[in-house]
Amino acid sequence: MAVFALVFSLFSGSVAYAAEEKSAAEPRYVKIAVEASDPEKLYGEYIPVLMYHHFAARDMGSGNGVVTTAEELEDHLRYFRSQGYKIITLEKLDSLLRKVEYDHRLTGKGLSLGEKYLCITMDDGYYSNYELGYPLFQKYRMPASVFAVTDYVTEQIGIRKFTWKQAEEMEDGGWMKIYSHTADHQPVEEGKETEFLASMQKSEATLTDNREGKHVKAMAYPNGRYTEESQRLLEEDGYVLQFTIENGVITRETARNAIPRITIESGMDGEDVVRKIELAAEKTFAAEREGNEI
């Protein structure tokens, strides 16, 4: 039996997880040890954004690091509720950030929100978001956001994507909204930001044609790659939320054009996800926790 351990260490403590392979097709993640400072002191001072991708009805085996089973997703949602998290839309996130930005009494990194807020996002626009994710978000009455590659949805490229009719159904249901992950999933490159902007504008036009209601103008960068010029062009085009794949949480110092997200991997239960959130927050606030005011 092979055991692989990934150990996270912080100034205040550490946590360790191991992927224990029962067989080549049945990896499971088990906790080895957990020791860290009290994370409750940071609640309300940050907002985590989770990044999911594809969902599956059963364990897909090794080599599917970002495929979450429906059973795992439901465990996550139940655990979020038990831990007092308030799941919010991107519209609510934008509203909260505006509130913080206009409150000049605040100092330090902390948001001083008084609530444990959390955003749930999915990338690419897979059919499994509709088939397996949507019923669970409805069941637990928790909103979620999908960053869809619009040409892939229209032309059904690659792994099966939901259709625009299904996207409309999800949006009409009130618990899921669709945003842009570009038209073609081509990462931005230095010197080619204008072409990238064209892909974003094509994607946004497709979204406008296939959804209704209020949507904050938000996007997620393919592969998390961005440049200063792409950030500037998208800001000029009205994008108020630009998401990356950098691990971290939103604080008062987070730039709207480089919002971090926490990647959810196969085999994680709800407790694992929350611990990963807490570790990201601890790391973000490390300097303050060493003696400065949050």
Protein backbone atom coordinates (compact mmCIF):
# COMPACT_ATOMS: atom_id res chain seq x y z
CA MET A 1 0.00 0.00 0.00
CA ALA A 2 1.46 3.31 -1.06
CA VAL A 3 0.90 6.41 1.01
CA PHE A 4 1.54 9.91 -0.25
CA ALA A 5 1.48 12.78 2.23
CA LEU A 6 1.13 16.45 1.62
CA VAL A 7 2.03 18.46 4.68
CA PHE A 8 1.07 22.09 5.15
CA SER A 9 3.07 24.05 7.73
CA LEU A 10 2.35 27.51 9.10
CA PHE A 11 3.87 29.60 11.82
CA SER A 12 0.97 28.61 14.09
CA GLY A 13 0.62 24.94 13.31
CA SER A 14 0.34 22.30 10.60
CA VAL A 15 -2.04 19.87 8.98
CA ALA A 16 -1.24 16.72 7.06
CA TYR A 17 -3.28 14.70 4.59
CA ALA A 18 -2.39 11.43 2.93
CA ALA A 19 -3.73 9.86 -0.21
CA GLU A 20 -3.95 6.19 0.70
CA GLU A 21 -4.27 3.97 -2.33
CA LYS A 22 -6.40 0.91 -1.61
CA SER A 23 -6.10 0.08 -5.27
CA ALA A 24 -5.09 1.86 -8.43
CA ALA A 25 -8.74 2.71 -9.06
CA GLU A 26 -9.83 3.61 -5.52
CA PRO A 27 -7.75 6.39 -3.94
CA ARG A 28 -8.97 7.80 -0.62
CA TYR A 29 -7.78 10.71 1.44
CA VAL A 30 -7.33 10.24 5.17
CA LYS A 31 -6.22 12.70 7.81
CA ILE A 32 -2.92 11.95 9.55
CA ALA A 33 -2.79 14.82 12.03
CA VAL A 34 -4.18 18.29 12.55
CA GLU A 35 -2.68 21.00 14.71
CA ALA A 36 -3.27 24.70 14.18
CA SER A 37 -4.14 27.93 15.93
CA ASP A 38 -7.76 28.92 16.51
CA PRO A 39 -9.14 29.90 13.06
CA GLU A 40 -12.38 31.29 14.52
CA LYS A 41 -10.57 34.55 15.28
CA LEU A 42 -10.49 35.20 11.52
CA TYR A 43 -14.15 34.44 10.73
CA GLY A 44 -15.80 37.42 9.06
CA GLU A 45 -12.44 38.89 8.10
CA TYR A 46 -12.21 37.17 4.70
CA ILE A 47 -14.28 35.53 1.96
CA PRO A 48 -13.14 32.25 0.38
CA VAL A 49 -14.08 31.34 -3.20
CA LEU A 50 -14.11 27.64 -4.04
CA MET A 51 -13.31 26.29 -7.51
CA TYR A 52 -14.93 23.05 -8.65
CA HIS A 53 -14.88 21.59 -12.15
CA HIS A 54 -16.52 18.30 -13.12
CA PHE A 55 -18.85 16.13 -11.01
CA ALA A 56 -19.26 12.36 -11.22
CA ALA A 57 -21.84 9.88 -9.99
CA ARG A 58 -19.11 7.58 -8.68
CA ASP A 59 -15.41 7.58 -7.88
CA MET A 60 -13.56 7.90 -11.20
CA GLY A 61 -10.30 6.47 -9.85
CA SER A 62 -6.79 7.89 -9.91
CA GLY A 63 -5.77 10.64 -12.31
CA ASN A 64 -8.95 12.68 -11.83
CA GLY A 65 -7.72 15.23 -9.34
CA VAL A 66 -10.45 17.81 -9.84
CA VAL A 67 -13.42 15.47 -10.37
CA THR A 68 -15.73 15.60 -7.35
CA THR A 69 -18.36 12.93 -6.79
CA ALA A 70 -21.95 13.94 -6.11
CA GLU A 71 -21.66 12.26 -2.72
CA GLU A 72 -18.61 14.37 -1.88
CA LEU A 73 -20.32 17.56 -3.04
CA GLU A 74 -23.35 16.85 -0.87
CA ASP A 75 -21.08 16.21 2.10
CA HIS A 76 -19.41 19.58 1.44
CA LEU A 77 -22.73 21.43 1.35
CA ARG A 78 -23.98 19.76 4.51
CA TYR A 79 -20.75 20.55 6.32
CA PHE A 80 -20.76 24.19 5.18
CA ARG A 81 -24.23 24.54 6.70
CA SER A 82 -23.19 22.84 9.94
CA GLN A 83 -20.24 25.24 10.25
CA GLY A 84 -22.37 28.34 9.81
CA TYR A 85 -21.23 29.38 6.34
CA LYS A 86 -23.49 31.70 4.37
CA ILE A 87 -23.15 30.85 0.67
CA ILE A 88 -23.44 33.93 -1.54
CA THR A 89 -23.80 34.86 -5.20
CA LEU A 90 -21.23 36.86 -7.17
CA GLU A 91 -23.70 39.75 -7.05
CA LYS A 92 -23.63 39.64 -3.26
CA LEU A 93 -19.84 39.36 -3.31
CA ASP A 94 -19.65 42.50 -5.46
CA SER A 95 -22.00 44.28 -3.06
CA LEU A 96 -19.97 43.29 0.00
CA LEU A 97 -16.72 44.41 -1.62
CA ARG A 98 -18.28 47.77 -2.49
CA LYS A 99 -19.38 48.16 1.12
CA VAL A 100 -15.86 47.45 2.37
CA GLU A 101 -14.25 49.73 -0.23
CA TYR A 102 -16.40 52.66 0.84
CA ASP A 103 -15.89 52.12 4.58
CA HIS A 104 -12.84 54.28 5.28
CA ARG A 105 -12.92 53.43 8.98
CA LEU A 106 -11.48 49.97 8.27
CA THR A 107 -7.76 49.30 8.68
CA GLY A 108 -5.59 46.27 7.99
CA LYS A 109 -6.53 43.31 5.78
CA GLY A 110 -9.72 42.23 7.53
CA LEU A 111 -13.18 42.77 6.03
CA SER A 112 -14.99 43.05 9.41
CA LEU A 113 -18.16 41.52 7.95
CA GLY A 114 -19.34 39.58 10.99
CA GLU A 115 -20.52 36.66 8.81
CA LYS A 116 -18.83 33.54 7.45
CA TYR A 117 -19.39 34.12 3.75
CA LEU A 118 -18.42 31.65 1.02
CA CYS A 119 -18.66 31.60 -2.81
CA ILE A 120 -18.95 28.40 -4.85
CA THR A 121 -17.78 28.45 -8.48
CA MET A 122 -17.34 25.86 -11.23
CA ASP A 123 -15.21 26.16 -14.37
CA ASP A 124 -15.84 25.18 -17.99
CA GLY A 125 -19.60 24.40 -18.11
CA TYR A 126 -19.83 20.63 -17.84
CA TYR A 127 -23.14 18.78 -18.16
CA SER A 128 -22.43 17.30 -14.74
CA ASN A 129 -22.87 20.78 -13.25
CA TYR A 130 -26.48 20.54 -14.44
CA GLU A 131 -27.09 16.83 -13.92
CA LEU A 132 -25.44 16.37 -10.50
CA GLY A 133 -24.60 19.79 -9.10
CA TYR A 134 -27.78 21.73 -9.83
CA PRO A 135 -30.15 19.39 -7.91
CA LEU A 136 -27.92 19.59 -4.82
CA PHE A 137 -27.63 23.37 -4.89
CA GLN A 138 -31.42 23.46 -5.15
CA LYS A 139 -31.84 20.93 -2.34
CA TYR A 140 -29.63 22.87 0.06
CA ARG A 141 -30.76 26.26 -1.26
CA MET A 142 -27.19 27.37 -1.85
CA PRO A 143 -26.24 29.54 -4.85
CA ALA A 144 -23.39 28.61 -7.18
CA SER A 145 -21.76 30.18 -10.23
CA VAL A 146 -20.47 28.57 -13.43
CA PHE A 147 -17.74 30.06 -15.62
CA ALA A 148 -18.61 28.56 -18.99
CA VAL A 149 -16.52 28.33 -22.16
CA THR A 150 -19.31 29.57 -24.40
CA ASP A 151 -18.18 28.10 -27.75
CA TYR A 152 -17.79 24.73 -26.04
CA VAL A 153 -21.39 24.94 -24.80
CA THR A 154 -22.75 26.07 -28.16
CA GLU A 155 -20.81 23.49 -30.19
CA GLN A 156 -20.61 20.77 -27.49
CA ILE A 157 -16.82 20.48 -27.70
CA GLY A 158 -14.91 17.96 -25.57
CA ILE A 159 -16.43 16.41 -22.47
CA ARG A 160 -20.19 16.90 -22.58
CA LYS A 161 -21.34 20.40 -21.62
CA PHE A 162 -24.78 21.55 -20.52
CA THR A 163 -26.94 23.17 -23.21
CA TRP A 164 -28.16 26.76 -23.24
CA LYS A 165 -31.65 25.49 -22.55
CA GLN A 166 -30.33 23.72 -19.47
CA ALA A 167 -28.42 26.86 -18.50
CA GLU A 168 -31.69 28.78 -18.72
CA GLU A 169 -33.36 26.17 -16.53
CA MET A 170 -30.63 26.47 -13.90
CA GLU A 171 -30.86 30.25 -13.88
CA ASP A 172 -34.66 30.20 -13.73
CA GLY A 173 -34.39 27.84 -10.75
CA GLY A 174 -32.72 30.65 -8.86
CA TRP A 175 -29.66 28.85 -7.50
CA MET A 176 -27.13 28.88 -10.35
CA LYS A 177 -25.86 31.60 -12.69
CA ILE A 178 -23.58 31.45 -15.73
CA TYR A 179 -20.60 33.74 -16.38
CA SER A 180 -17.70 33.87 -18.84
CA HIS A 181 -14.63 31.65 -19.04
CA THR A 182 -13.91 33.08 -22.55
CA ALA A 183 -15.34 31.83 -25.83
CA ASP A 184 -12.53 29.37 -26.61
CA HIS A 185 -10.58 28.72 -23.38
CA GLN A 186 -7.38 30.16 -24.83
CA PRO A 187 -5.20 31.57 -22.01
CA VAL A 188 -4.11 35.17 -22.39
CA GLU A 189 -0.54 35.73 -23.59
CA GLU A 190 1.73 38.74 -23.41
CA GLY A 191 1.23 40.83 -26.52
CA LYS A 192 -2.05 39.09 -27.46
CA GLU A 193 -4.36 40.75 -24.97
CA THR A 194 -6.47 42.32 -27.73
CA GLU A 195 -7.30 38.88 -29.13
CA PHE A 196 -8.12 37.72 -25.62
CA LEU A 197 -10.48 40.66 -25.15
CA ALA A 198 -12.21 39.75 -28.43
CA SER A 199 -12.77 36.21 -27.10
CA MET A 200 -14.23 37.67 -23.91
CA GLN A 201 -16.53 40.01 -25.84
CA LYS A 202 -17.74 37.15 -28.04
CA SER A 203 -18.39 35.07 -24.93
CA GLU A 204 -20.29 37.89 -23.23
CA ALA A 205 -22.46 38.40 -26.32
CA THR A 206 -23.35 34.70 -26.31
CA LEU A 207 -24.21 34.86 -22.61
CA THR A 208 -26.41 37.91 -23.17
CA ASP A 209 -28.33 36.01 -25.84
CA ASN A 210 -28.87 32.96 -23.64
CA ARG A 211 -29.74 34.18 -20.15
CA GLU A 212 -31.92 36.72 -18.42
CA GLY A 213 -31.83 38.71 -15.21
CA LYS A 214 -29.18 40.70 -13.41
CA HIS A 215 -25.59 39.48 -13.66
CA VAL A 216 -22.53 41.23 -12.33
CA LYS A 217 -19.88 41.29 -15.05
CA ALA A 218 -17.50 38.56 -13.91
CA MET A 219 -15.05 36.17 -15.55
CA ALA A 220 -12.47 33.48 -14.75
CA TYR A 221 -9.11 33.34 -16.53
CA PRO A 222 -8.39 30.06 -18.41
CA ASN A 223 -5.61 28.22 -16.56
CA GLY A 224 -5.58 31.19 -14.18
CA ARG A 225 -3.18 33.12 -16.42
CA TYR A 226 -3.47 36.88 -16.74
CA THR A 227 -1.36 39.93 -17.54
CA GLU A 228 -1.51 43.52 -16.36
CA GLU A 229 -2.74 44.52 -19.81
CA SER A 230 -5.54 41.93 -19.80
CA GLN A 231 -6.61 43.15 -16.37
CA ARG A 232 -6.71 46.73 -17.61
CA LEU A 233 -8.62 45.92 -20.80
CA LEU A 234 -11.23 43.87 -18.95
CA GLU A 235 -11.68 46.60 -16.35
CA GLU A 236 -12.28 49.09 -19.16
CA ASP A 237 -14.79 46.66 -20.64
CA GLY A 238 -16.76 46.65 -17.39
CA TYR A 239 -15.57 43.48 -15.64
CA VAL A 240 -15.68 44.11 -11.90
CA LEU A 241 -14.67 40.59 -10.81
CA GLN A 242 -11.74 38.74 -12.40
CA PHE A 243 -10.95 35.32 -10.92
CA THR A 244 -7.66 33.41 -10.94
CA ILE A 245 -6.60 30.00 -9.61
CA GLU A 246 -4.14 31.37 -7.06
CA ASN A 247 -4.72 29.83 -3.65
CA GLY A 248 -5.94 32.35 -1.10
CA VAL A 249 -8.93 34.20 0.31
CA ILE A 250 -10.42 37.63 -0.34
CA THR A 251 -9.32 40.37 2.06
CA ARG A 252 -9.38 44.16 1.94
CA GLU A 253 -6.08 44.01 0.05
CA THR A 254 -7.39 41.70 -2.68
CA ALA A 255 -7.50 43.29 -6.12
CA ARG A 256 -10.80 42.80 -7.92
CA ASN A 257 -8.83 41.93 -11.08
CA ALA A 258 -6.94 39.05 -9.39
CA ILE A 259 -9.35 37.27 -7.05
CA PRO A 260 -7.91 34.01 -5.65
CA ARG A 261 -9.81 30.72 -5.50
CA ILE A 262 -9.34 27.51 -3.55
CA THR A 263 -9.21 24.39 -5.73
CA ILE A 264 -11.38 21.45 -4.66
CA GLU A 265 -9.81 18.08 -5.39
CA SER A 266 -11.07 14.52 -5.57
CA GLY A 267 -11.47 12.67 -2.29
CA MET A 268 -12.02 15.70 -0.06
CA ASP A 269 -14.83 15.61 2.48
CA GLY A 270 -16.47 18.70 3.95
CA GLU A 271 -14.05 18.90 6.84
CA ASP A 272 -11.10 18.73 4.43
CA VAL A 273 -12.49 21.62 2.38
CA VAL A 274 -13.07 23.82 5.43
CA ARG A 275 -9.60 23.03 6.73
CA LYS A 276 -8.11 24.03 3.38
CA ILE A 277 -10.05 27.30 3.58
CA GLU A 278 -8.75 27.92 7.09
CA LEU A 279 -5.17 27.19 6.08
CA ALA A 280 -5.43 29.63 3.16
CA ALA A 281 -6.77 32.27 5.55
CA GLU A 282 -4.06 31.60 8.14
CA LYS A 283 -1.39 32.01 5.49
CA THR A 284 -2.96 35.21 4.16
CA PHE A 285 -3.13 36.78 7.62
CA ALA A 286 0.23 35.44 8.85
CA ALA A 287 1.85 38.86 9.22
CA GLU A 288 -1.08 40.25 11.17
CA ARG A 289 -1.28 37.22 13.45
CA GLU A 290 2.37 37.77 14.39
CA GLY A 291 1.51 41.01 16.14
CA ASN A 292 -0.30 43.49 13.95
CA GLU A 293 -3.99 44.33 13.94
CA ILE A 294 -6.19 42.34 11.51
